[in-house]
Amino acid sequence: MSTLSVMPIFKYLVLNKGNTEEYIEVEQALTDAPLVKHPITGEPIKRVIDSPSLTLRHSSLRENKTLSADNLQKHGFSVLEKNGSTAEYVQTIGDKLDLEENS
């Protein structure tokens, strides 16, 4: 019998000085500590309480096509995935982000 791996998506508020509220969503295990800085920009962030969102490992053909690496790149999205051994985020999809200018 196979086990379904489900990881919740947590919502974070970017604590920037701008007038517009900016939120990011990060897939994390329930046992992971809340993030305190934006994985790309390094800006301070705060986890916010929101309705639950679960990522299930099954979806329709249309959803799979929409979320494919080629389609995400075509529409200008970047994807960061957490490296399990170093706990750092590695960009897997999208144009190379210049993280140095935001440090």
N, C-alpha and C. Protein backbone atom coordinates (compact mmCIF):
# COMPACT_ATOMS: atom_id res chain seq x y z
N MET A 1 0.84 -1.17 0.00
CA MET A 1 0.00 0.00 0.00
C MET A 1 0.89 1.24 0.00
N SER A 2 0.64 2.19 -0.91
CA SER A 2 1.45 3.40 -0.99
C SER A 2 0.93 4.47 -0.03
N THR A 3 1.84 5.34 0.37
CA THR A 3 1.49 6.42 1.27
C THR A 3 1.44 7.72 0.49
N LEU A 4 0.40 8.50 0.69
CA LEU A 4 0.26 9.78 0.03
C LEU A 4 1.01 10.83 0.84
N SER A 5 1.95 11.53 0.19
CA SER A 5 2.73 12.56 0.86
C SER A 5 2.01 13.90 0.69
N VAL A 6 1.63 14.50 1.81
CA VAL A 6 0.91 15.77 1.78
C VAL A 6 1.70 16.78 2.60
N MET A 7 1.97 17.94 2.00
CA MET A 7 2.66 19.01 2.70
C MET A 7 1.78 20.25 2.62
N PRO A 8 1.51 20.88 3.76
CA PRO A 8 0.70 22.10 3.72
C PRO A 8 1.47 23.27 3.13
N ILE A 9 0.73 24.23 2.63
CA ILE A 9 1.32 25.46 2.12
C ILE A 9 1.02 26.55 3.13
N PHE A 10 2.08 27.18 3.63
CA PHE A 10 1.92 28.24 4.62
C PHE A 10 2.03 29.59 3.93
N LYS A 11 1.24 30.53 4.41
CA LYS A 11 1.21 31.88 3.87
C LYS A 11 2.04 32.79 4.77
N TYR A 12 2.86 33.62 4.15
CA TYR A 12 3.71 34.56 4.88
C TYR A 12 3.48 35.97 4.37
N LEU A 13 3.50 36.93 5.29
CA LEU A 13 3.41 38.35 4.97
C LEU A 13 4.82 38.89 4.92
N VAL A 14 5.17 39.58 3.82
CA VAL A 14 6.47 40.23 3.69
C VAL A 14 6.40 41.53 4.47
N LEU A 15 7.31 41.68 5.43
CA LEU A 15 7.30 42.86 6.31
C LEU A 15 8.16 43.97 5.71
N ASN A 16 7.75 44.43 4.53
CA ASN A 16 8.49 45.52 3.88
C ASN A 16 7.85 46.86 4.25
N LYS A 17 8.53 47.89 3.86
CA LYS A 17 8.05 49.23 4.21
C LYS A 17 7.09 49.81 3.17
N GLY A 18 6.76 49.05 2.14
CA GLY A 18 5.90 49.54 1.07
C GLY A 18 4.45 49.68 1.52
N ASN A 19 3.66 50.32 0.68
CA ASN A 19 2.25 50.54 0.97
C ASN A 19 1.39 49.32 0.63
N THR A 20 1.91 48.44 -0.21
CA THR A 20 1.15 47.29 -0.67
C THR A 20 1.52 46.05 0.15
N GLU A 21 0.51 45.33 0.65
CA GLU A 21 0.78 44.08 1.35
C GLU A 21 1.20 43.04 0.34
N GLU A 22 2.29 42.34 0.63
CA GLU A 22 2.80 41.30 -0.26
C GLU A 22 2.85 39.99 0.53
N TYR A 23 2.31 38.94 -0.07
CA TYR A 23 2.29 37.63 0.56
C TYR A 23 3.03 36.63 -0.32
N ILE A 24 3.64 35.64 0.31
CA ILE A 24 4.22 34.52 -0.42
C ILE A 24 3.66 33.25 0.20
N GLU A 25 3.70 32.16 -0.55
CA GLU A 25 3.26 30.87 -0.05
C GLU A 25 4.43 29.90 -0.16
N VAL A 26 4.64 29.13 0.91
CA VAL A 26 5.76 28.21 0.96
C VAL A 26 5.25 26.85 1.41
N GLU A 27 5.60 25.80 0.67
CA GLU A 27 5.25 24.43 1.05
C GLU A 27 6.25 23.97 2.09
N GLN A 28 5.75 23.60 3.26
CA GLN A 28 6.61 23.18 4.37
C GLN A 28 5.96 22.04 5.13
N ALA A 29 6.80 21.23 5.77
CA ALA A 29 6.28 20.20 6.67
C ALA A 29 5.74 20.88 7.92
N LEU A 30 4.79 20.25 8.57
CA LEU A 30 4.25 20.80 9.80
C LEU A 30 5.31 20.94 10.87
N THR A 31 6.34 20.11 10.81
CA THR A 31 7.40 20.13 11.82
C THR A 31 8.47 21.18 11.54
N ASP A 32 8.46 21.82 10.36
CA ASP A 32 9.43 22.87 10.04
C ASP A 32 9.14 24.13 10.84
N ALA A 33 10.20 24.78 11.29
CA ALA A 33 10.05 26.06 11.98
C ALA A 33 9.57 27.12 10.98
N PRO A 34 8.78 28.09 11.43
CA PRO A 34 8.36 29.15 10.52
C PRO A 34 9.57 29.91 9.98
N LEU A 35 9.49 30.32 8.72
CA LEU A 35 10.56 31.11 8.13
C LEU A 35 10.52 32.51 8.72
N VAL A 36 11.67 33.16 8.79
CA VAL A 36 11.74 34.53 9.29
C VAL A 36 12.24 35.50 8.24
N LYS A 37 12.77 34.95 7.11
CA LYS A 37 13.19 35.82 6.03
C LYS A 37 12.77 35.24 4.69
N HIS A 38 12.49 36.11 3.74
CA HIS A 38 12.06 35.75 2.39
C HIS A 38 13.16 34.89 1.76
N PRO A 39 12.81 33.73 1.18
CA PRO A 39 13.83 32.85 0.61
C PRO A 39 14.59 33.44 -0.58
N ILE A 40 14.04 34.47 -1.22
CA ILE A 40 14.73 35.08 -2.36
C ILE A 40 15.38 36.40 -1.97
N THR A 41 14.60 37.29 -1.38
CA THR A 41 15.09 38.66 -1.14
C THR A 41 15.75 38.85 0.22
N GLY A 42 15.48 37.95 1.15
CA GLY A 42 16.03 38.09 2.49
C GLY A 42 15.25 39.06 3.37
N GLU A 43 14.16 39.64 2.84
CA GLU A 43 13.34 40.56 3.63
C GLU A 43 12.69 39.79 4.79
N PRO A 44 12.43 40.46 5.91
CA PRO A 44 11.74 39.78 7.01
C PRO A 44 10.32 39.40 6.61
N ILE A 45 9.88 38.22 7.05
CA ILE A 45 8.52 37.74 6.79
C ILE A 45 7.93 37.18 8.07
N LYS A 46 6.60 37.06 8.07
CA LYS A 46 5.89 36.54 9.24
C LYS A 46 4.80 35.60 8.75
N ARG A 47 4.74 34.40 9.34
CA ARG A 47 3.69 33.45 8.98
C ARG A 47 2.35 34.00 9.44
N VAL A 48 1.35 33.91 8.59
CA VAL A 48 0.01 34.38 8.95
C VAL A 48 -0.96 33.20 8.97
N ILE A 49 -1.94 33.30 9.81
CA ILE A 49 -2.96 32.26 9.91
C ILE A 49 -3.95 32.47 8.76
N ASP A 50 -4.19 31.41 8.02
CA ASP A 50 -5.09 31.47 6.87
C ASP A 50 -5.79 30.13 6.77
N SER A 51 -6.75 30.03 5.89
CA SER A 51 -7.42 28.75 5.71
C SER A 51 -6.41 27.73 5.19
N PRO A 52 -6.55 26.46 5.59
CA PRO A 52 -5.57 25.45 5.20
C PRO A 52 -5.55 25.22 3.70
N SER A 53 -4.38 24.90 3.22
CA SER A 53 -4.19 24.56 1.81
C SER A 53 -3.27 23.35 1.75
N LEU A 54 -3.73 22.29 1.13
CA LEU A 54 -2.92 21.07 1.04
C LEU A 54 -2.51 20.83 -0.40
N THR A 55 -1.27 20.42 -0.58
CA THR A 55 -0.79 20.04 -1.89
C THR A 55 -0.93 18.53 -2.01
N LEU A 56 -1.77 18.10 -2.91
CA LEU A 56 -1.95 16.67 -3.14
C LEU A 56 -1.16 16.27 -4.38
N ARG A 57 -0.64 15.10 -4.37
CA ARG A 57 0.23 14.64 -5.46
C ARG A 57 -0.56 14.10 -6.66
N HIS A 58 -1.81 14.44 -6.76
CA HIS A 58 -2.59 14.06 -7.94
C HIS A 58 -3.35 15.28 -8.43
N SER A 59 -3.51 15.37 -9.70
CA SER A 59 -4.27 16.47 -10.26
C SER A 59 -4.71 16.09 -11.66
N SER A 60 -5.56 16.90 -12.20
CA SER A 60 -6.07 16.63 -13.53
C SER A 60 -4.99 16.90 -14.57
N LEU A 61 -5.20 16.40 -15.75
CA LEU A 61 -4.27 16.60 -16.86
C LEU A 61 -4.07 18.09 -17.13
N ARG A 62 -5.16 18.86 -17.08
CA ARG A 62 -5.07 20.31 -17.33
C ARG A 62 -4.19 21.00 -16.28
N GLU A 63 -4.38 20.65 -15.01
CA GLU A 63 -3.56 21.24 -13.95
C GLU A 63 -2.09 20.87 -14.12
N ASN A 64 -1.83 19.61 -14.47
CA ASN A 64 -0.45 19.18 -14.69
C ASN A 64 0.19 19.97 -15.82
N LYS A 65 -0.57 20.21 -16.90
CA LYS A 65 -0.04 20.98 -18.02
C LYS A 65 0.22 22.43 -17.62
N THR A 66 -0.72 23.01 -16.89
CA THR A 66 -0.59 24.40 -16.45
C THR A 66 0.62 24.59 -15.54
N LEU A 67 0.88 23.62 -14.69
CA LEU A 67 1.98 23.73 -13.72
C LEU A 67 3.27 23.06 -14.19
N SER A 68 3.33 22.70 -15.48
CA SER A 68 4.55 22.07 -15.98
C SER A 68 5.69 23.08 -16.00
N ALA A 69 6.91 22.58 -15.90
CA ALA A 69 8.10 23.45 -15.87
C ALA A 69 8.15 24.35 -17.11
N ASP A 70 7.87 23.79 -18.28
CA ASP A 70 7.92 24.57 -19.52
C ASP A 70 6.90 25.70 -19.51
N ASN A 71 5.68 25.42 -19.04
CA ASN A 71 4.64 26.44 -19.03
C ASN A 71 4.94 27.53 -18.00
N LEU A 72 5.43 27.15 -16.83
CA LEU A 72 5.78 28.14 -15.82
C LEU A 72 6.88 29.06 -16.33
N GLN A 73 7.91 28.48 -16.96
CA GLN A 73 9.01 29.29 -17.49
C GLN A 73 8.50 30.20 -18.61
N LYS A 74 7.66 29.68 -19.47
CA LYS A 74 7.12 30.46 -20.59
C LYS A 74 6.39 31.71 -20.10
N HIS A 75 5.73 31.61 -18.95
CA HIS A 75 4.96 32.72 -18.41
C HIS A 75 5.72 33.54 -17.37
N GLY A 76 7.02 33.32 -17.28
CA GLY A 76 7.88 34.17 -16.45
C GLY A 76 7.94 33.83 -14.97
N PHE A 77 7.47 32.64 -14.59
CA PHE A 77 7.53 32.25 -13.19
C PHE A 77 8.87 31.64 -12.85
N SER A 78 9.24 31.74 -11.59
CA SER A 78 10.41 31.05 -11.06
C SER A 78 9.93 30.10 -9.98
N VAL A 79 10.62 28.96 -9.85
CA VAL A 79 10.28 28.00 -8.81
C VAL A 79 11.53 27.73 -7.99
N LEU A 80 11.37 27.80 -6.68
CA LEU A 80 12.44 27.49 -5.76
C LEU A 80 12.05 26.24 -4.99
N GLU A 81 12.98 25.30 -4.85
CA GLU A 81 12.72 24.08 -4.09
C GLU A 81 13.73 23.98 -2.97
N LYS A 82 13.29 23.49 -1.83
CA LYS A 82 14.16 23.39 -0.67
C LYS A 82 15.06 22.17 -0.82
N ASN A 83 16.37 22.39 -0.67
CA ASN A 83 17.35 21.31 -0.69
C ASN A 83 17.29 20.64 0.67
N GLY A 84 16.93 19.37 0.69
CA GLY A 84 16.75 18.66 1.95
C GLY A 84 17.99 18.54 2.79
N SER A 85 19.17 18.48 2.17
CA SER A 85 20.39 18.29 2.95
C SER A 85 20.95 19.59 3.50
N THR A 86 20.74 20.71 2.80
CA THR A 86 21.30 21.98 3.27
C THR A 86 20.25 22.95 3.78
N ALA A 87 18.98 22.65 3.57
CA ALA A 87 17.85 23.50 3.97
C ALA A 87 17.88 24.86 3.28
N GLU A 88 18.59 24.96 2.16
CA GLU A 88 18.59 26.18 1.37
C GLU A 88 17.64 26.00 0.19
N TYR A 89 17.18 27.11 -0.36
CA TYR A 89 16.30 27.06 -1.51
C TYR A 89 17.12 27.17 -2.79
N VAL A 90 16.82 26.30 -3.75
CA VAL A 90 17.54 26.25 -5.01
C VAL A 90 16.54 26.52 -6.12
N GLN A 91 16.89 27.42 -7.03
CA GLN A 91 16.00 27.74 -8.14
C GLN A 91 16.06 26.62 -9.16
N THR A 92 14.89 26.07 -9.51
CA THR A 92 14.82 24.97 -10.46
C THR A 92 14.15 25.37 -11.78
N ILE A 93 13.39 26.45 -11.77
CA ILE A 93 12.69 26.91 -12.97
C ILE A 93 12.79 28.43 -13.02
N GLY A 94 12.95 28.96 -14.22
CA GLY A 94 12.92 30.41 -14.41
C GLY A 94 14.29 30.98 -14.69
N ASP A 95 14.27 32.25 -15.12
CA ASP A 95 15.51 32.96 -15.36
C ASP A 95 16.26 33.10 -14.06
N LYS A 96 17.57 33.08 -14.14
CA LYS A 96 18.42 33.16 -12.94
C LYS A 96 18.11 34.46 -12.21
N LEU A 97 17.80 34.32 -10.92
CA LEU A 97 17.51 35.49 -10.09
C LEU A 97 18.80 36.05 -9.54
N ASP A 98 18.93 37.37 -9.55
CA ASP A 98 20.10 38.03 -8.99
C ASP A 98 19.80 38.33 -7.53
N LEU A 99 20.23 37.43 -6.66
CA LEU A 99 19.94 37.57 -5.24
C LEU A 99 20.90 38.52 -4.55
N GLU A 100 22.02 38.81 -5.17
CA GLU A 100 23.03 39.67 -4.56
C GLU A 100 22.53 41.10 -4.39
N GLU A 101 21.76 41.61 -5.34
CA GLU A 101 21.30 43.01 -5.29
C GLU A 101 20.32 43.24 -4.14
N ASN A 102 19.72 42.18 -3.61
CA ASN A 102 18.74 42.32 -2.54
C ASN A 102 19.30 41.98 -1.18
N SER A 103 20.59 41.64 -1.09
CA SER A 103 21.15 41.25 0.19
C SER A 103 21.52 42.44 1.02
